[in-house]
Amino acid sequence: MNQDKDIFARMLAGGIIQPDDPQLPVMWEAVARAIRLSPALNAFTSIDESRTRLGELIGCEVDPSTVLFVPFFTNFGRHIYLGKNVFINHACSFLDLGGITIEDNVQIGPKVNLITENHPLEPSARKALHLSAIVVRRNAWVGAAATILPGVTVGENAVVAAGAVVNKDVPANTVVGGIPARILKTIA
């Protein structure tokens, strides 16, 4: 991949970011910013204040219909995109270097992990980042303590059961559960 292209664009495009990438310090500056802003976000006791601080962290205004219960954890923030009427419960972790899109009317339970980052299996290459976006489509519900892994799309109206580990796309109008998650049933 072309290292002259902006590192943030390359991160969103997915793939490997090498540990010696000349633009990596720019990414680490953005990570440091998220670390600085996170304590203020998690100190607020009103939903309106939390929404405002989340907007600062992700770099855009969060719709007034969206509700976030703190604490909330992210290592980056700049690649989180939230629709309207989204609910994010307590103690969620969004590792968003690869991009996380959450569409309208999504519900996310407590302690959910959305992880867009991985590393190559080969020991000699393991310091590299392998990034792949997560998309959660309209009206989906991600249950408590579920983990969505890199590259997964959760389909419209789908339900991810509590505690599931999702490593492949979830079709629309289905319920998935287990480790690894599998289709449990179809919903009308």
N, C-alpha and C. Protein backbone atom coordinates (compact mmCIF):
# COMPACT_ATOMS: atom_id res chain seq x y z
N MET A 1 0.84 -1.18 0.00
CA MET A 1 0.00 0.00 0.00
C MET A 1 0.88 1.24 0.00
N ASN A 2 0.43 2.31 -0.58
CA ASN A 2 1.18 3.53 -0.75
C ASN A 2 1.34 4.26 0.58
N GLN A 3 2.59 4.32 1.09
CA GLN A 3 2.84 4.97 2.37
C GLN A 3 2.78 6.50 2.26
N ASP A 4 2.70 7.04 1.04
CA ASP A 4 2.55 8.48 0.89
C ASP A 4 1.13 8.93 1.18
N LYS A 5 0.17 8.01 1.06
CA LYS A 5 -1.23 8.31 1.36
C LYS A 5 -1.37 8.53 2.87
N ASP A 6 -2.24 9.44 3.27
CA ASP A 6 -2.50 9.75 4.66
C ASP A 6 -2.73 8.48 5.47
N ILE A 7 -2.08 8.36 6.62
CA ILE A 7 -2.20 7.14 7.42
C ILE A 7 -3.63 6.89 7.86
N PHE A 8 -4.40 7.94 8.13
CA PHE A 8 -5.78 7.74 8.57
C PHE A 8 -6.64 7.15 7.45
N ALA A 9 -6.42 7.59 6.23
CA ALA A 9 -7.12 7.01 5.09
C ALA A 9 -6.72 5.55 4.89
N ARG A 10 -5.44 5.25 5.07
CA ARG A 10 -4.98 3.87 4.93
C ARG A 10 -5.55 2.99 6.04
N MET A 11 -5.69 3.53 7.24
CA MET A 11 -6.27 2.77 8.35
C MET A 11 -7.72 2.41 8.02
N LEU A 12 -8.48 3.37 7.52
CA LEU A 12 -9.88 3.11 7.19
C LEU A 12 -10.03 2.18 5.99
N ALA A 13 -9.05 2.18 5.11
CA ALA A 13 -9.09 1.28 3.95
C ALA A 13 -8.83 -0.17 4.36
N GLY A 14 -8.27 -0.36 5.55
CA GLY A 14 -8.00 -1.70 6.04
C GLY A 14 -6.67 -2.23 5.56
N GLY A 15 -6.26 -3.31 6.15
CA GLY A 15 -4.99 -3.92 5.78
C GLY A 15 -3.94 -3.71 6.85
N ILE A 16 -2.70 -3.84 6.44
CA ILE A 16 -1.56 -3.85 7.37
C ILE A 16 -0.93 -2.46 7.47
N ILE A 17 -0.68 -2.04 8.71
CA ILE A 17 0.14 -0.85 8.99
C ILE A 17 1.39 -1.39 9.67
N GLN A 18 2.52 -1.19 9.03
CA GLN A 18 3.79 -1.72 9.54
C GLN A 18 4.27 -0.91 10.75
N PRO A 19 5.01 -1.55 11.66
CA PRO A 19 5.48 -0.84 12.85
C PRO A 19 6.51 0.24 12.56
N ASP A 20 7.10 0.21 11.36
CA ASP A 20 8.06 1.24 10.98
C ASP A 20 7.47 2.25 10.00
N ASP A 21 6.15 2.28 9.89
CA ASP A 21 5.49 3.24 8.99
C ASP A 21 5.91 4.65 9.37
N PRO A 22 6.37 5.44 8.41
CA PRO A 22 6.85 6.79 8.75
C PRO A 22 5.76 7.72 9.29
N GLN A 23 4.50 7.41 9.06
CA GLN A 23 3.41 8.25 9.56
C GLN A 23 2.84 7.76 10.88
N LEU A 24 3.38 6.69 11.43
CA LEU A 24 2.87 6.13 12.68
C LEU A 24 2.88 7.14 13.84
N PRO A 25 3.86 8.02 13.96
CA PRO A 25 3.81 9.01 15.04
C PRO A 25 2.55 9.89 15.02
N VAL A 26 2.00 10.14 13.84
CA VAL A 26 0.76 10.93 13.74
C VAL A 26 -0.39 10.14 14.36
N MET A 27 -0.43 8.84 14.09
CA MET A 27 -1.46 8.00 14.69
C MET A 27 -1.32 7.98 16.21
N TRP A 28 -0.08 7.84 16.70
CA TRP A 28 0.14 7.80 18.14
C TRP A 28 -0.25 9.11 18.81
N GLU A 29 -0.10 10.23 18.11
CA GLU A 29 -0.58 11.51 18.66
C GLU A 29 -2.09 11.49 18.85
N ALA A 30 -2.81 10.93 17.88
CA ALA A 30 -4.27 10.83 17.99
C ALA A 30 -4.67 9.88 19.11
N VAL A 31 -3.93 8.80 19.30
CA VAL A 31 -4.19 7.88 20.40
C VAL A 31 -3.96 8.61 21.73
N ALA A 32 -2.90 9.38 21.84
CA ALA A 32 -2.63 10.14 23.06
C ALA A 32 -3.75 11.13 23.35
N ARG A 33 -4.30 11.74 22.30
CA ARG A 33 -5.44 12.66 22.46
C ARG A 33 -6.63 11.93 23.06
N ALA A 34 -6.94 10.74 22.55
CA ALA A 34 -8.06 9.96 23.08
C ALA A 34 -7.83 9.61 24.55
N ILE A 35 -6.61 9.26 24.89
CA ILE A 35 -6.28 8.95 26.28
C ILE A 35 -6.50 10.17 27.17
N ARG A 36 -6.11 11.35 26.67
CA ARG A 36 -6.31 12.59 27.45
C ARG A 36 -7.78 12.94 27.63
N LEU A 37 -8.60 12.74 26.59
CA LEU A 37 -10.02 13.13 26.63
C LEU A 37 -10.90 12.12 27.38
N SER A 38 -10.49 10.88 27.44
CA SER A 38 -11.34 9.83 28.03
C SER A 38 -11.69 10.05 29.50
N PRO A 39 -10.77 10.45 30.36
CA PRO A 39 -11.16 10.65 31.77
C PRO A 39 -12.26 11.71 31.93
N ALA A 40 -12.22 12.77 31.16
CA ALA A 40 -13.26 13.80 31.25
C ALA A 40 -14.61 13.23 30.82
N LEU A 41 -14.62 12.46 29.74
CA LEU A 41 -15.86 11.83 29.30
C LEU A 41 -16.44 10.96 30.40
N ASN A 42 -15.60 10.16 31.02
CA ASN A 42 -16.07 9.20 32.01
C ASN A 42 -16.36 9.80 33.37
N ALA A 43 -16.03 11.06 33.57
CA ALA A 43 -16.31 11.74 34.84
C ALA A 43 -17.69 12.37 34.88
N PHE A 44 -18.35 12.50 33.74
CA PHE A 44 -19.64 13.19 33.71
C PHE A 44 -20.77 12.31 34.21
N THR A 45 -21.74 12.96 34.84
CA THR A 45 -22.86 12.23 35.42
C THR A 45 -24.17 12.50 34.71
N SER A 46 -24.16 13.30 33.65
CA SER A 46 -25.39 13.50 32.88
C SER A 46 -25.20 12.99 31.46
N ILE A 47 -26.27 12.49 30.90
CA ILE A 47 -26.22 11.96 29.54
C ILE A 47 -25.88 13.06 28.55
N ASP A 48 -26.41 14.26 28.75
CA ASP A 48 -26.10 15.37 27.83
C ASP A 48 -24.62 15.70 27.85
N GLU A 49 -24.02 15.75 29.04
CA GLU A 49 -22.59 16.05 29.14
C GLU A 49 -21.76 14.92 28.50
N SER A 50 -22.16 13.69 28.76
CA SER A 50 -21.44 12.56 28.17
C SER A 50 -21.50 12.60 26.65
N ARG A 51 -22.66 12.94 26.11
CA ARG A 51 -22.84 13.04 24.66
C ARG A 51 -21.92 14.12 24.08
N THR A 52 -21.85 15.26 24.76
CA THR A 52 -20.99 16.36 24.30
C THR A 52 -19.53 15.94 24.31
N ARG A 53 -19.08 15.32 25.40
CA ARG A 53 -17.69 14.87 25.49
C ARG A 53 -17.38 13.77 24.47
N LEU A 54 -18.33 12.89 24.25
CA LEU A 54 -18.12 11.86 23.23
C LEU A 54 -17.94 12.52 21.86
N GLY A 55 -18.73 13.54 21.58
CA GLY A 55 -18.59 14.27 20.32
C GLY A 55 -17.19 14.86 20.16
N GLU A 56 -16.64 15.41 21.24
CA GLU A 56 -15.27 15.93 21.20
C GLU A 56 -14.28 14.82 20.90
N LEU A 57 -14.48 13.68 21.52
CA LEU A 57 -13.57 12.55 21.34
C LEU A 57 -13.60 12.01 19.91
N ILE A 58 -14.80 11.87 19.33
CA ILE A 58 -14.89 11.29 17.99
C ILE A 58 -14.77 12.33 16.88
N GLY A 59 -14.83 13.61 17.25
CA GLY A 59 -14.59 14.67 16.29
C GLY A 59 -15.81 15.12 15.50
N CYS A 60 -17.01 14.79 15.99
CA CYS A 60 -18.22 15.29 15.35
C CYS A 60 -19.36 15.27 16.36
N GLU A 61 -20.36 16.07 16.10
CA GLU A 61 -21.48 16.16 17.01
C GLU A 61 -22.25 14.84 17.05
N VAL A 62 -22.62 14.44 18.25
CA VAL A 62 -23.42 13.24 18.44
C VAL A 62 -24.88 13.66 18.49
N ASP A 63 -25.73 12.99 17.73
CA ASP A 63 -27.14 13.34 17.66
C ASP A 63 -27.77 13.30 19.06
N PRO A 64 -28.65 14.27 19.36
CA PRO A 64 -29.28 14.32 20.69
C PRO A 64 -30.10 13.07 21.04
N SER A 65 -30.48 12.27 20.07
CA SER A 65 -31.24 11.05 20.34
C SER A 65 -30.36 9.90 20.80
N THR A 66 -29.05 10.05 20.70
CA THR A 66 -28.11 9.00 21.09
C THR A 66 -27.79 9.11 22.57
N VAL A 67 -27.75 7.95 23.24
CA VAL A 67 -27.48 7.89 24.67
C VAL A 67 -26.24 7.03 24.91
N LEU A 68 -25.35 7.56 25.73
CA LEU A 68 -24.14 6.84 26.13
C LEU A 68 -24.10 6.80 27.65
N PHE A 69 -23.98 5.60 28.21
CA PHE A 69 -23.75 5.45 29.64
C PHE A 69 -22.25 5.22 29.84
N VAL A 70 -21.64 6.02 30.68
CA VAL A 70 -20.22 5.86 30.98
C VAL A 70 -20.05 4.85 32.11
N PRO A 71 -18.89 4.20 32.23
CA PRO A 71 -17.69 4.51 31.48
C PRO A 71 -17.73 3.94 30.05
N PHE A 72 -16.94 4.57 29.21
CA PHE A 72 -16.80 4.20 27.81
C PHE A 72 -15.32 4.28 27.48
N PHE A 73 -14.82 3.30 26.74
CA PHE A 73 -13.39 3.25 26.46
C PHE A 73 -13.14 3.16 24.96
N THR A 74 -12.19 3.94 24.49
CA THR A 74 -11.72 3.85 23.12
C THR A 74 -10.24 4.18 23.11
N ASN A 75 -9.53 3.61 22.16
CA ASN A 75 -8.11 3.90 22.05
C ASN A 75 -7.82 4.96 20.98
N PHE A 76 -8.87 5.43 20.29
CA PHE A 76 -8.64 6.34 19.18
C PHE A 76 -9.76 7.35 19.05
N GLY A 77 -10.97 6.88 18.78
CA GLY A 77 -12.14 7.75 18.73
C GLY A 77 -12.44 8.38 17.38
N ARG A 78 -11.42 8.74 16.65
CA ARG A 78 -11.62 9.48 15.40
C ARG A 78 -12.32 8.67 14.32
N HIS A 79 -12.35 7.35 14.46
CA HIS A 79 -12.96 6.50 13.44
C HIS A 79 -14.24 5.82 13.92
N ILE A 80 -14.94 6.48 14.87
CA ILE A 80 -16.25 6.01 15.32
C ILE A 80 -17.29 6.90 14.66
N TYR A 81 -18.27 6.27 13.99
CA TYR A 81 -19.36 7.00 13.32
C TYR A 81 -20.67 6.47 13.88
N LEU A 82 -21.46 7.39 14.47
CA LEU A 82 -22.70 7.01 15.15
C LEU A 82 -23.90 7.59 14.43
N GLY A 83 -24.92 6.76 14.24
CA GLY A 83 -26.19 7.21 13.69
C GLY A 83 -27.05 7.86 14.76
N LYS A 84 -28.33 7.92 14.48
CA LYS A 84 -29.30 8.51 15.40
C LYS A 84 -29.94 7.42 16.25
N ASN A 85 -30.37 7.84 17.44
CA ASN A 85 -31.10 6.95 18.34
C ASN A 85 -30.30 5.69 18.67
N VAL A 86 -29.01 5.87 18.89
CA VAL A 86 -28.12 4.77 19.29
C VAL A 86 -28.06 4.76 20.81
N PHE A 87 -28.06 3.56 21.39
CA PHE A 87 -27.90 3.41 22.83
C PHE A 87 -26.66 2.57 23.08
N ILE A 88 -25.73 3.10 23.88
CA ILE A 88 -24.50 2.40 24.25
C ILE A 88 -24.47 2.32 25.77
N ASN A 89 -24.52 1.10 26.29
CA ASN A 89 -24.58 0.88 27.73
C ASN A 89 -23.19 0.98 28.37
N HIS A 90 -23.13 0.78 29.68
CA HIS A 90 -21.92 0.93 30.48
C HIS A 90 -20.77 0.03 30.04
N ALA A 91 -19.56 0.55 30.20
CA ALA A 91 -18.31 -0.22 30.14
C ALA A 91 -18.03 -0.88 28.79
N CYS A 92 -18.39 -0.21 27.71
CA CYS A 92 -18.08 -0.72 26.37
C CYS A 92 -16.69 -0.25 25.95
N SER A 93 -16.02 -1.07 25.14
CA SER A 93 -14.71 -0.74 24.58
C SER A 93 -14.78 -0.80 23.07
N PHE A 94 -14.46 0.33 22.43
CA PHE A 94 -14.45 0.42 20.97
C PHE A 94 -13.01 0.68 20.53
N LEU A 95 -12.35 -0.32 19.97
CA LEU A 95 -11.01 -0.14 19.42
C LEU A 95 -11.20 0.13 17.93
N ASP A 96 -11.14 1.40 17.57
CA ASP A 96 -11.66 1.87 16.28
C ASP A 96 -10.62 2.30 15.26
N LEU A 97 -9.37 1.91 15.40
CA LEU A 97 -8.38 2.33 14.41
C LEU A 97 -8.83 1.98 12.99
N GLY A 98 -9.48 0.83 12.82
CA GLY A 98 -9.93 0.39 11.50
C GLY A 98 -11.29 0.92 11.10
N GLY A 99 -11.99 1.60 11.99
CA GLY A 99 -13.29 2.21 11.67
C GLY A 99 -14.46 1.41 12.22
N ILE A 100 -15.34 2.09 12.95
CA ILE A 100 -16.56 1.49 13.47
C ILE A 100 -17.72 2.38 13.05
N THR A 101 -18.68 1.80 12.35
CA THR A 101 -19.89 2.51 11.96
C THR A 101 -21.07 1.85 12.66
N ILE A 102 -21.82 2.66 13.39
CA ILE A 102 -23.02 2.19 14.07
C ILE A 102 -24.19 3.00 13.51
N GLU A 103 -25.07 2.32 12.81
CA GLU A 103 -26.18 2.99 12.14
C GLU A 103 -27.31 3.30 13.12
N ASP A 104 -28.39 3.89 12.62
CA ASP A 104 -29.52 4.33 13.44
C ASP A 104 -30.18 3.18 14.20
N ASN A 105 -30.69 3.53 15.38
CA ASN A 105 -31.53 2.64 16.20
C ASN A 105 -30.83 1.39 16.68
N VAL A 106 -29.52 1.44 16.82
CA VAL A 106 -28.75 0.29 17.32
C VAL A 106 -28.71 0.34 18.85
N GLN A 107 -28.81 -0.83 19.48
CA GLN A 107 -28.66 -0.96 20.92
C GLN A 107 -27.42 -1.79 21.19
N ILE A 108 -26.59 -1.28 22.09
CA ILE A 108 -25.36 -1.98 22.46
C ILE A 108 -25.37 -2.17 23.97
N GLY A 109 -25.31 -3.43 24.38
CA GLY A 109 -25.37 -3.77 25.79
C GLY A 109 -24.10 -3.44 26.54
N PRO A 110 -24.12 -3.65 27.87
CA PRO A 110 -22.94 -3.35 28.68
C PRO A 110 -21.78 -4.29 28.36
N LYS A 111 -20.59 -3.76 28.50
CA LYS A 111 -19.33 -4.52 28.36
C LYS A 111 -19.13 -5.10 26.97
N VAL A 112 -19.73 -4.50 25.95
CA VAL A 112 -19.53 -4.95 24.57
C VAL A 112 -18.17 -4.46 24.08
N ASN A 113 -17.48 -5.31 23.33
CA ASN A 113 -16.19 -4.98 22.72
C ASN A 113 -16.34 -4.98 21.21
N LEU A 114 -16.02 -3.85 20.59
CA LEU A 114 -15.95 -3.76 19.13
C LEU A 114 -14.48 -3.54 18.80
N ILE A 115 -13.86 -4.51 18.13
CA ILE A 115 -12.41 -4.51 17.95
C ILE A 115 -12.08 -4.58 16.46
N THR A 116 -11.50 -3.50 15.94
CA THR A 116 -11.16 -3.44 14.51
C THR A 116 -9.68 -3.74 14.26
N GLU A 117 -8.98 -4.12 15.29
CA GLU A 117 -7.52 -4.27 15.20
C GLU A 117 -7.11 -5.69 15.52
N ASN A 118 -6.11 -6.15 14.78
CA ASN A 118 -5.55 -7.47 15.01
C ASN A 118 -4.07 -7.39 14.67
N HIS A 119 -3.39 -8.50 14.76
CA HIS A 119 -1.96 -8.58 14.41
C HIS A 119 -1.75 -9.85 13.61
N PRO A 120 -0.77 -9.84 12.71
CA PRO A 120 -0.46 -11.06 11.96
C PRO A 120 -0.04 -12.20 12.91
N LEU A 121 -0.29 -13.42 12.49
CA LEU A 121 0.07 -14.58 13.31
C LEU A 121 1.56 -14.83 13.36
N GLU A 122 2.27 -14.56 12.27
CA GLU A 122 3.70 -14.84 12.22
C GLU A 122 4.43 -14.00 13.27
N PRO A 123 5.23 -14.64 14.14
CA PRO A 123 5.91 -13.89 15.20
C PRO A 123 6.75 -12.72 14.69
N SER A 124 7.41 -12.88 13.56
CA SER A 124 8.26 -11.81 13.04
C SER A 124 7.46 -10.61 12.55
N ALA A 125 6.18 -10.79 12.27
CA ALA A 125 5.34 -9.70 11.75
C ALA A 125 4.32 -9.20 12.77
N ARG A 126 4.35 -9.74 13.96
CA ARG A 126 3.28 -9.52 14.93
C ARG A 126 3.16 -8.08 15.43
N LYS A 127 4.17 -7.26 15.30
CA LYS A 127 4.09 -5.86 15.75
C LYS A 127 3.29 -5.00 14.78
N ALA A 128 3.02 -5.51 13.60
CA ALA A 128 2.20 -4.77 12.62
C ALA A 128 0.75 -4.79 13.07
N LEU A 129 -0.01 -3.78 12.63
CA LEU A 129 -1.45 -3.73 12.87
C LEU A 129 -2.18 -4.22 11.64
N HIS A 130 -3.13 -5.10 11.82
CA HIS A 130 -3.99 -5.53 10.72
C HIS A 130 -5.38 -4.97 11.04
N LEU A 131 -5.83 -4.01 10.23
CA LEU A 131 -7.07 -3.28 10.51
C LEU A 131 -8.18 -3.67 9.55
N SER A 132 -9.40 -3.75 10.10
CA SER A 132 -10.57 -4.06 9.28
C SER A 132 -11.81 -3.53 10.00
N ALA A 133 -12.63 -2.79 9.28
CA ALA A 133 -13.77 -2.07 9.85
C ALA A 133 -14.87 -2.99 10.36
N ILE A 134 -15.63 -2.47 11.31
CA ILE A 134 -16.85 -3.10 11.81
C ILE A 134 -18.02 -2.20 11.45
N VAL A 135 -19.12 -2.80 10.99
CA VAL A 135 -20.35 -2.07 10.70
C VAL A 135 -21.49 -2.76 11.45
N VAL A 136 -22.26 -1.97 12.18
CA VAL A 136 -23.47 -2.49 12.84
C VAL A 136 -24.64 -1.76 12.19
N ARG A 137 -25.44 -2.52 11.45
CA ARG A 137 -26.54 -1.96 10.65
C ARG A 137 -27.75 -1.58 11.50
N ARG A 138 -28.66 -0.87 10.88
CA ARG A 138 -29.87 -0.34 11.54
C ARG A 138 -30.61 -1.41 12.36
N ASN A 139 -31.08 -0.95 13.50
CA ASN A 139 -31.95 -1.75 14.39
C ASN A 139 -31.29 -3.00 14.96
N ALA A 140 -30.00 -3.13 14.83
CA ALA A 140 -29.33 -4.30 15.42
C ALA A 140 -29.23 -4.13 16.93
N TRP A 141 -29.09 -5.25 17.61
CA TRP A 141 -28.93 -5.27 19.06
C TRP A 141 -27.75 -6.18 19.38
N VAL A 142 -26.75 -5.62 20.06
CA VAL A 142 -25.58 -6.37 20.47
C VAL A 142 -25.67 -6.56 21.98
N GLY A 143 -25.81 -7.81 22.41
CA GLY A 143 -26.05 -8.12 23.81
C GLY A 143 -24.82 -7.97 24.69
N ALA A 144 -25.07 -7.99 25.99
CA ALA A 144 -24.05 -7.76 27.02
C ALA A 144 -22.82 -8.65 26.81
N ALA A 145 -21.67 -8.02 26.93
CA ALA A 145 -20.37 -8.70 26.91
C ALA A 145 -20.07 -9.44 25.61
N ALA A 146 -20.78 -9.11 24.55
CA ALA A 146 -20.45 -9.68 23.24
C ALA A 146 -19.19 -9.02 22.71
N THR A 147 -18.47 -9.73 21.88
CA THR A 147 -17.27 -9.20 21.23
C THR A 147 -17.44 -9.36 19.72
N ILE A 148 -17.29 -8.25 19.01
CA ILE A 148 -17.34 -8.24 17.55
C ILE A 148 -15.90 -8.04 17.08
N LEU A 149 -15.42 -8.96 16.26
CA LEU A 149 -14.02 -8.93 15.81
C LEU A 149 -13.87 -8.18 14.49
N PRO A 150 -12.62 -7.89 14.09
CA PRO A 150 -12.38 -7.08 12.91
C PRO A 150 -13.05 -7.61 11.65
N GLY A 151 -13.57 -6.68 10.85
CA GLY A 151 -14.12 -7.00 9.55
C GLY A 151 -15.55 -7.46 9.53
N VAL A 152 -16.20 -7.51 10.68
CA VAL A 152 -17.56 -8.04 10.77
C VAL A 152 -18.60 -6.96 10.49
N THR A 153 -19.64 -7.33 9.75
CA THR A 153 -20.84 -6.51 9.60
C THR A 153 -21.98 -7.26 10.27
N VAL A 154 -22.66 -6.56 11.18
CA VAL A 154 -23.86 -7.10 11.83
C VAL A 154 -25.04 -6.55 11.04
N GLY A 155 -25.83 -7.43 10.45
CA GLY A 155 -26.91 -7.04 9.55
C GLY A 155 -28.06 -6.33 10.24
N GLU A 156 -28.88 -5.69 9.41
CA GLU A 156 -30.05 -4.96 9.88
C GLU A 156 -30.98 -5.88 10.68
N ASN A 157 -31.45 -5.38 11.81
CA ASN A 157 -32.38 -6.08 12.71
C ASN A 157 -31.79 -7.32 13.38
N ALA A 158 -30.52 -7.59 13.19
CA ALA A 158 -29.90 -8.78 13.78
C ALA A 158 -29.72 -8.60 15.28
N VAL A 159 -29.60 -9.73 15.97
CA VAL A 159 -29.34 -9.75 17.41
C VAL A 159 -28.10 -10.61 17.64
N VAL A 160 -27.16 -10.05 18.38
CA VAL A 160 -25.97 -10.80 18.83
C VAL A 160 -26.20 -11.11 20.30
N ALA A 161 -26.29 -12.38 20.64
CA ALA A 161 -26.58 -12.79 22.01
C ALA A 161 -25.47 -12.40 22.96
N ALA A 162 -25.84 -12.24 24.21
CA ALA A 162 -24.88 -11.90 25.26
C ALA A 162 -23.74 -12.91 25.27
N GLY A 163 -22.52 -12.39 25.39
CA GLY A 163 -21.34 -13.23 25.49
C GLY A 163 -20.83 -13.82 24.20
N ALA A 164 -21.50 -13.57 23.08
CA ALA A 164 -21.07 -14.13 21.80
C ALA A 164 -19.74 -13.52 21.36
N VAL A 165 -18.98 -14.30 20.62
CA VAL A 165 -17.77 -13.81 19.96
C VAL A 165 -18.02 -13.95 18.46
N VAL A 166 -18.14 -12.80 17.78
CA VAL A 166 -18.54 -12.78 16.38
C VAL A 166 -17.32 -12.57 15.50
N ASN A 167 -17.01 -13.57 14.68
CA ASN A 167 -15.83 -13.49 13.82
C ASN A 167 -16.17 -13.51 12.33
N LYS A 168 -17.48 -13.53 12.02
CA LYS A 168 -17.89 -13.43 10.61
C LYS A 168 -19.20 -12.66 10.55
N ASP A 169 -19.55 -12.20 9.35
CA ASP A 169 -20.73 -11.37 9.18
C ASP A 169 -21.99 -12.05 9.72
N VAL A 170 -22.87 -11.22 10.27
CA VAL A 170 -24.15 -11.67 10.80
C VAL A 170 -25.23 -11.25 9.80
N PRO A 171 -25.96 -12.19 9.20
CA PRO A 171 -26.99 -11.82 8.24
C PRO A 171 -28.10 -11.00 8.91
N ALA A 172 -28.76 -10.18 8.12
CA ALA A 172 -29.91 -9.41 8.60
C ALA A 172 -30.97 -10.36 9.15
N ASN A 173 -31.71 -9.88 10.14
CA ASN A 173 -32.87 -10.61 10.68
C ASN A 173 -32.53 -12.00 11.22
N THR A 174 -31.36 -12.11 11.85
CA THR A 174 -30.98 -13.37 12.49
C THR A 174 -30.55 -13.10 13.93
N VAL A 175 -30.55 -14.16 14.71
CA VAL A 175 -29.98 -14.14 16.06
C VAL A 175 -28.77 -15.05 16.02
N VAL A 176 -27.63 -14.54 16.50
CA VAL A 176 -26.42 -15.35 16.59
C VAL A 176 -25.96 -15.40 18.03
N GLY A 177 -25.28 -16.49 18.37
CA GLY A 177 -24.75 -16.64 19.72
C GLY A 177 -23.67 -17.70 19.74
N GLY A 178 -22.93 -17.72 20.83
CA GLY A 178 -21.89 -18.73 21.03
C GLY A 178 -20.50 -18.23 20.70
N ILE A 179 -19.54 -19.16 20.85
CA ILE A 179 -18.13 -18.87 20.59
C ILE A 179 -17.58 -20.00 19.74
N PRO A 180 -17.27 -19.74 18.48
CA PRO A 180 -17.63 -18.54 17.73
C PRO A 180 -19.12 -18.49 17.48
N ALA A 181 -19.63 -17.30 17.23
CA ALA A 181 -21.06 -17.12 17.03
C ALA A 181 -21.53 -17.87 15.81
N ARG A 182 -22.73 -18.43 15.94
CA ARG A 182 -23.38 -19.10 14.81
C ARG A 182 -24.85 -18.70 14.82
N ILE A 183 -25.52 -18.88 13.71
CA ILE A 183 -26.93 -18.51 13.61
C ILE A 183 -27.76 -19.45 14.49
N LEU A 184 -28.55 -18.86 15.37
CA LEU A 184 -29.44 -19.62 16.25
C LEU A 184 -30.86 -19.65 15.71
N LYS A 185 -31.28 -18.55 15.10
CA LYS A 185 -32.62 -18.51 14.51
C LYS A 185 -32.76 -17.28 13.63
N THR A 186 -33.82 -17.32 12.84
CA THR A 186 -34.19 -16.19 11.99
C THR A 186 -35.36 -15.49 12.65
N ILE A 187 -35.38 -14.15 12.55
CA ILE A 187 -36.47 -13.39 13.11
C ILE A 187 -37.22 -12.69 11.98
N ALA A 188 -38.52 -12.51 12.16
CA ALA A 188 -39.38 -11.92 11.10
C ALA A 188 -39.17 -10.44 11.00
